[in-house]
């Protein structure tokens, strides 16, 4: 039995198929930007749904709501800022 994801929906930000191939081709023309390991881990966690229901890094409204209320701006419990 698999438990439900937090917020009721598992987020999947992994590209596949034609869109993935198109983005890979476009990326060949983009300058490489090195990021710290912890930021890369956060990006992977967002992409694979580990931080569901987050679909990306927190907005400032969500960030301050988490800091002050331990909830996302939509009132869903969340205690760790993801910035």
N, C-alpha and C. Protein backbone atom coordinates (compact mmCIF):
# COMPACT_ATOMS: atom_id res chain seq x y z
N UNK A 1 0.84 -1.17 0.00
CA UNK A 1 0.00 0.00 0.00
C UNK A 1 0.89 1.24 0.00
N UNK A 2 0.65 2.12 -0.92
CA UNK A 2 1.44 3.35 -1.03
C UNK A 2 0.65 4.48 -0.39
N UNK A 3 1.34 5.26 0.44
CA UNK A 3 0.67 6.39 1.08
C UNK A 3 0.48 7.53 0.09
N UNK A 4 -0.52 8.35 0.35
CA UNK A 4 -0.79 9.51 -0.50
C UNK A 4 0.29 10.56 -0.31
N UNK A 5 0.65 11.26 -1.37
CA UNK A 5 1.63 12.34 -1.22
C UNK A 5 1.05 13.51 -0.43
N UNK A 6 1.91 14.24 0.23
CA UNK A 6 1.48 15.41 0.99
C UNK A 6 0.79 16.38 0.04
N UNK A 7 -0.37 16.84 0.41
CA UNK A 7 -1.14 17.74 -0.45
C UNK A 7 -2.05 16.99 -1.41
N UNK A 8 -1.96 15.65 -1.44
CA UNK A 8 -2.87 14.84 -2.23
C UNK A 8 -2.48 14.57 -3.67
N UNK A 9 -1.39 15.17 -4.15
CA UNK A 9 -1.00 14.99 -5.55
C UNK A 9 0.52 14.94 -5.64
N UNK A 10 1.04 13.89 -6.27
CA UNK A 10 2.48 13.76 -6.45
C UNK A 10 2.92 14.61 -7.63
N UNK A 11 3.86 15.50 -7.38
CA UNK A 11 4.39 16.37 -8.42
C UNK A 11 5.49 15.63 -9.18
N UNK A 12 5.43 15.69 -10.51
CA UNK A 12 6.46 15.09 -11.35
C UNK A 12 6.91 16.15 -12.35
N UNK A 13 8.12 16.64 -12.18
CA UNK A 13 8.66 17.68 -13.07
C UNK A 13 9.74 17.12 -13.99
N UNK A 14 9.76 15.80 -14.18
CA UNK A 14 10.76 15.17 -15.04
C UNK A 14 10.27 15.21 -16.49
N UNK A 15 11.10 15.73 -17.37
CA UNK A 15 10.75 15.79 -18.79
C UNK A 15 10.91 14.42 -19.43
N UNK A 16 10.06 14.15 -20.43
CA UNK A 16 10.18 12.90 -21.17
C UNK A 16 9.77 13.13 -22.62
N UNK A 17 10.08 12.16 -23.44
CA UNK A 17 9.66 12.19 -24.83
C UNK A 17 10.25 13.32 -25.65
N UNK A 18 9.44 13.81 -26.58
CA UNK A 18 9.89 14.85 -27.50
C UNK A 18 10.29 16.14 -26.79
N UNK A 19 9.55 16.50 -25.77
CA UNK A 19 9.87 17.73 -25.04
C UNK A 19 11.26 17.62 -24.41
N UNK A 20 11.57 16.46 -23.85
CA UNK A 20 12.89 16.25 -23.24
C UNK A 20 13.99 16.40 -24.29
N UNK A 21 13.79 15.79 -25.44
CA UNK A 21 14.81 15.86 -26.50
C UNK A 21 14.98 17.29 -27.01
N UNK A 22 13.87 18.02 -27.15
CA UNK A 22 13.94 19.42 -27.60
C UNK A 22 14.72 20.27 -26.60
N UNK A 23 14.43 20.10 -25.32
CA UNK A 23 15.12 20.87 -24.28
C UNK A 23 16.61 20.50 -24.24
N UNK A 24 16.92 19.22 -24.42
CA UNK A 24 18.34 18.81 -24.43
C UNK A 24 19.09 19.48 -25.59
N UNK A 25 18.46 19.59 -26.73
CA UNK A 25 19.09 20.26 -27.88
C UNK A 25 19.27 21.75 -27.61
N UNK A 26 18.23 22.39 -27.07
CA UNK A 26 18.32 23.82 -26.75
C UNK A 26 19.40 24.08 -25.70
N UNK A 27 19.56 23.15 -24.77
CA UNK A 27 20.52 23.33 -23.68
C UNK A 27 21.96 23.37 -24.18
N UNK A 28 22.22 22.79 -25.34
CA UNK A 28 23.58 22.80 -25.89
C UNK A 28 24.06 24.22 -26.18
N UNK A 29 23.12 25.14 -26.37
CA UNK A 29 23.45 26.53 -26.70
C UNK A 29 23.49 27.44 -25.47
N UNK A 30 23.17 26.90 -24.32
CA UNK A 30 23.08 27.71 -23.10
C UNK A 30 24.37 27.59 -22.30
N UNK A 31 24.81 28.68 -21.74
CA UNK A 31 26.00 28.69 -20.90
C UNK A 31 25.77 27.84 -19.64
N UNK A 32 26.77 27.08 -19.27
CA UNK A 32 26.70 26.24 -18.08
C UNK A 32 26.86 27.10 -16.83
N UNK A 33 26.03 26.86 -15.86
CA UNK A 33 26.08 27.57 -14.60
C UNK A 33 26.26 26.54 -13.49
N UNK A 34 27.35 26.66 -12.75
CA UNK A 34 27.57 25.74 -11.64
C UNK A 34 26.79 26.22 -10.43
N UNK A 35 26.13 25.27 -9.76
CA UNK A 35 25.36 25.60 -8.57
C UNK A 35 25.87 24.75 -7.41
N UNK A 36 25.67 25.22 -6.19
CA UNK A 36 26.09 24.44 -5.02
C UNK A 36 25.33 23.11 -4.95
N UNK A 37 25.96 22.11 -4.37
CA UNK A 37 25.38 20.77 -4.26
C UNK A 37 24.00 20.80 -3.61
N UNK A 38 23.84 21.57 -2.53
CA UNK A 38 22.56 21.56 -1.82
C UNK A 38 21.43 22.11 -2.70
N UNK A 39 21.72 23.07 -3.55
CA UNK A 39 20.71 23.61 -4.46
C UNK A 39 20.35 22.54 -5.51
N UNK A 40 21.36 21.85 -6.02
CA UNK A 40 21.11 20.77 -6.97
C UNK A 40 20.25 19.67 -6.39
N UNK A 41 20.49 19.33 -5.14
CA UNK A 41 19.67 18.32 -4.46
C UNK A 41 18.23 18.81 -4.34
N UNK A 42 18.04 20.08 -3.98
CA UNK A 42 16.68 20.64 -3.90
C UNK A 42 15.99 20.58 -5.26
N UNK A 43 16.71 20.89 -6.33
CA UNK A 43 16.14 20.83 -7.68
C UNK A 43 15.69 19.40 -7.99
N UNK A 44 16.53 18.42 -7.69
CA UNK A 44 16.16 17.02 -7.93
C UNK A 44 14.96 16.62 -7.09
N UNK A 45 14.94 17.04 -5.83
CA UNK A 45 13.81 16.70 -4.96
C UNK A 45 12.51 17.31 -5.46
N UNK A 46 12.56 18.52 -5.98
CA UNK A 46 11.37 19.14 -6.57
C UNK A 46 10.96 18.34 -7.81
N UNK A 47 11.92 18.02 -8.67
CA UNK A 47 11.62 17.32 -9.92
C UNK A 47 10.99 15.95 -9.69
N UNK A 48 11.47 15.21 -8.72
CA UNK A 48 10.97 13.86 -8.46
C UNK A 48 9.78 13.82 -7.52
N UNK A 49 9.31 14.97 -7.06
CA UNK A 49 8.12 15.00 -6.21
C UNK A 49 8.37 14.79 -4.74
N UNK A 50 9.63 14.76 -4.34
CA UNK A 50 9.95 14.58 -2.91
C UNK A 50 9.34 15.71 -2.09
N UNK A 51 9.30 16.91 -2.66
CA UNK A 51 8.74 18.07 -1.96
C UNK A 51 7.29 18.35 -2.38
N UNK A 52 6.57 17.33 -2.88
CA UNK A 52 5.16 17.54 -3.22
C UNK A 52 4.45 18.12 -2.02
N UNK A 53 3.67 19.14 -2.22
CA UNK A 53 3.05 19.65 -3.44
C UNK A 53 3.82 20.79 -4.11
N UNK A 54 5.05 21.07 -3.68
CA UNK A 54 5.80 22.16 -4.31
C UNK A 54 6.11 21.81 -5.76
N UNK A 55 5.89 22.75 -6.66
CA UNK A 55 6.20 22.57 -8.08
C UNK A 55 7.48 23.29 -8.47
N UNK A 56 8.05 24.01 -7.54
CA UNK A 56 9.28 24.76 -7.74
C UNK A 56 9.71 25.33 -6.41
N UNK A 57 10.70 26.20 -6.43
CA UNK A 57 11.11 26.84 -5.19
C UNK A 57 9.96 27.71 -4.68
N UNK A 58 9.93 27.91 -3.38
CA UNK A 58 8.84 28.67 -2.75
C UNK A 58 8.83 30.12 -3.20
N UNK A 59 7.63 30.65 -3.31
CA UNK A 59 7.47 32.09 -3.52
C UNK A 59 7.77 32.78 -2.19
N UNK A 60 7.95 34.07 -2.22
CA UNK A 60 8.21 34.78 -0.96
C UNK A 60 7.02 34.68 -0.01
N UNK A 61 5.79 34.67 -0.56
CA UNK A 61 4.61 34.52 0.30
C UNK A 61 4.62 33.18 1.02
N UNK A 62 4.92 32.09 0.28
CA UNK A 62 5.00 30.77 0.91
C UNK A 62 6.13 30.73 1.93
N UNK A 63 7.28 31.28 1.57
CA UNK A 63 8.44 31.28 2.45
C UNK A 63 8.11 31.94 3.80
N UNK A 64 7.54 33.14 3.77
CA UNK A 64 7.24 33.83 5.02
C UNK A 64 6.10 33.16 5.77
N UNK A 65 5.16 32.57 5.06
CA UNK A 65 4.09 31.83 5.72
C UNK A 65 4.64 30.61 6.45
N UNK A 66 5.59 29.92 5.82
CA UNK A 66 6.23 28.77 6.47
C UNK A 66 7.01 29.22 7.70
N UNK A 67 7.76 30.30 7.58
CA UNK A 67 8.54 30.79 8.72
C UNK A 67 7.67 31.19 9.90
N UNK A 68 6.55 31.85 9.62
CA UNK A 68 5.73 32.40 10.70
C UNK A 68 4.59 31.49 11.14
N UNK A 69 4.07 30.66 10.22
CA UNK A 69 2.89 29.86 10.54
C UNK A 69 3.09 28.35 10.39
N UNK A 70 4.26 27.95 9.86
CA UNK A 70 4.55 26.55 9.58
C UNK A 70 3.50 25.95 8.63
N UNK A 71 3.07 26.78 7.69
CA UNK A 71 2.10 26.37 6.66
C UNK A 71 2.42 27.11 5.37
N UNK A 72 2.10 26.47 4.25
CA UNK A 72 2.19 27.16 2.98
C UNK A 72 1.11 28.22 2.92
N UNK A 73 1.20 29.09 1.95
CA UNK A 73 0.22 30.17 1.80
C UNK A 73 -1.20 29.63 1.60
N UNK A 74 -1.33 28.40 1.07
CA UNK A 74 -2.64 27.78 0.87
C UNK A 74 -3.13 27.04 2.10
N UNK A 75 -2.44 27.21 3.24
CA UNK A 75 -2.77 26.65 4.55
C UNK A 75 -2.39 25.18 4.72
N UNK A 76 -1.69 24.60 3.77
CA UNK A 76 -1.22 23.23 3.91
C UNK A 76 -0.02 23.21 4.86
N UNK A 77 -0.01 22.32 5.86
CA UNK A 77 1.13 22.27 6.78
C UNK A 77 2.45 22.03 6.05
N UNK A 78 3.46 22.83 6.39
CA UNK A 78 4.81 22.71 5.80
C UNK A 78 5.76 23.45 6.73
N UNK A 79 6.83 22.81 7.14
CA UNK A 79 7.70 23.41 8.16
C UNK A 79 9.10 23.77 7.69
N UNK A 80 9.47 23.38 6.48
CA UNK A 80 10.84 23.61 6.02
C UNK A 80 10.84 24.55 4.82
N UNK A 81 11.48 25.71 4.92
CA UNK A 81 11.56 26.60 3.75
C UNK A 81 12.43 25.97 2.65
N UNK A 82 11.93 25.99 1.43
CA UNK A 82 12.68 25.50 0.27
C UNK A 82 12.91 26.71 -0.63
N UNK A 83 14.13 27.25 -0.60
CA UNK A 83 14.40 28.48 -1.33
C UNK A 83 15.56 28.31 -2.30
